[in-house]
């Protein structure tokens, strides 16, 4: 049942990768929002 093992391995890797991508994307979005907020505040001053 090698195919199933490979599939499980692939699924595990993909889940791990998705988690990393999600975290990186979330951090990037947070950073972008922070920069935009800073820019808006700067313009208001």
C-alpha atoms as a PDB file:
ATOM      1  CA  UNK A   1       0.000   0.000   0.000  1.00  0.00           C
ATOM      2  CA  UNK A   2       2.797   2.366  -1.005  1.00  0.00           C
ATOM      3  CA  UNK A   3       0.504   4.774  -2.830  1.00  0.00           C
ATOM      4  CA  UNK A   4      -1.541   5.488   0.286  1.00  0.00           C
ATOM      5  CA  UNK A   5       1.618   6.076   2.305  1.00  0.00           C
ATOM      6  CA  UNK A   6       2.859   8.553  -0.293  1.00  0.00           C
ATOM      7  CA  UNK A   7      -0.520  10.256  -0.290  1.00  0.00           C
ATOM      8  CA  UNK A   8      -0.513  10.552   3.517  1.00  0.00           C
ATOM      9  CA  UNK A   9       3.021  11.933   3.375  1.00  0.00           C
ATOM     10  CA  UNK A  10       2.028  14.423   0.695  1.00  0.00           C
ATOM     11  CA  UNK A  11      -1.047  15.480   2.670  1.00  0.00           C
ATOM     12  CA  UNK A  12       1.018  16.011   5.805  1.00  0.00           C
ATOM     13  CA  UNK A  13       3.584  18.061   3.885  1.00  0.00           C
ATOM     14  CA  UNK A  14       0.885  20.111   2.203  1.00  0.00           C
ATOM     15  CA  UNK A  15      -0.845  20.806   5.521  1.00  0.00           C
ATOM     16  CA  UNK A  16       2.463  21.934   7.006  1.00  0.00           C
ATOM     17  CA  UNK A  17       3.203  24.097   3.967  1.00  0.00           C
ATOM     18  CA  UNK A  18      -0.285  25.628   4.018  1.00  0.00           C
ATOM     19  CA  UNK A  19       0.193  26.526   7.678  1.00  0.00           C
ATOM     20  CA  UNK A  20       3.517  28.230   6.934  1.00  0.00           C
ATOM     21  CA  UNK A  21       2.120  30.074   3.915  1.00  0.00           C
ATOM     22  CA  UNK A  22      -0.895  31.184   5.948  1.00  0.00           C
ATOM     23  CA  UNK A  23       1.322  32.474   8.746  1.00  0.00           C
ATOM     24  CA  UNK A  24       3.639  34.320   6.341  1.00  0.00           C
ATOM     25  CA  UNK A  25       0.688  35.791   4.453  1.00  0.00           C
ATOM     26  CA  UNK A  26      -0.985  36.847   7.698  1.00  0.00           C
ATOM     27  CA  UNK A  27       2.230  38.531   8.883  1.00  0.00           C
ATOM     28  CA  UNK A  28       2.644  40.293   5.541  1.00  0.00           C
ATOM     29  CA  UNK A  29      -0.934  41.562   5.649  1.00  0.00           C
ATOM     30  CA  UNK A  30      -0.501  42.737   9.248  1.00  0.00           C
ATOM     31  CA  UNK A  31       2.703  44.533   8.270  1.00  0.00           C
ATOM     32  CA  UNK A  32       1.015  46.140   5.264  1.00  0.00           C
ATOM     33  CA  UNK A  33      -1.912  47.325   7.381  1.00  0.00           C
ATOM     34  CA  UNK A  34       0.510  48.743   9.943  1.00  0.00           C
ATOM     35  CA  UNK A  35       2.411  50.606   7.216  1.00  0.00           C
ATOM     36  CA  UNK A  36      -0.799  51.962   5.701  1.00  0.00           C
ATOM     37  CA  UNK A  37      -1.998  53.073   9.137  1.00  0.00           C
ATOM     38  CA  UNK A  38       1.350  54.773   9.737  1.00  0.00           C
ATOM     39  CA  UNK A  39       1.093  56.495   6.359  1.00  0.00           C
ATOM     40  CA  UNK A  40      -2.457  57.679   7.048  1.00  0.00           C
ATOM     41  CA  UNK A  41      -1.503  58.979  10.493  1.00  0.00           C
ATOM     42  CA  UNK A  42       1.520  60.717   9.001  1.00  0.00           C
ATOM     43  CA  UNK A  43      -0.636  62.433   6.368  1.00  0.00           C
ATOM     44  CA  UNK A  44      -3.034  63.657   9.059  1.00  0.00           C
ATOM     45  CA  UNK A  45      -0.316  65.380  11.055  1.00  0.00           C
END
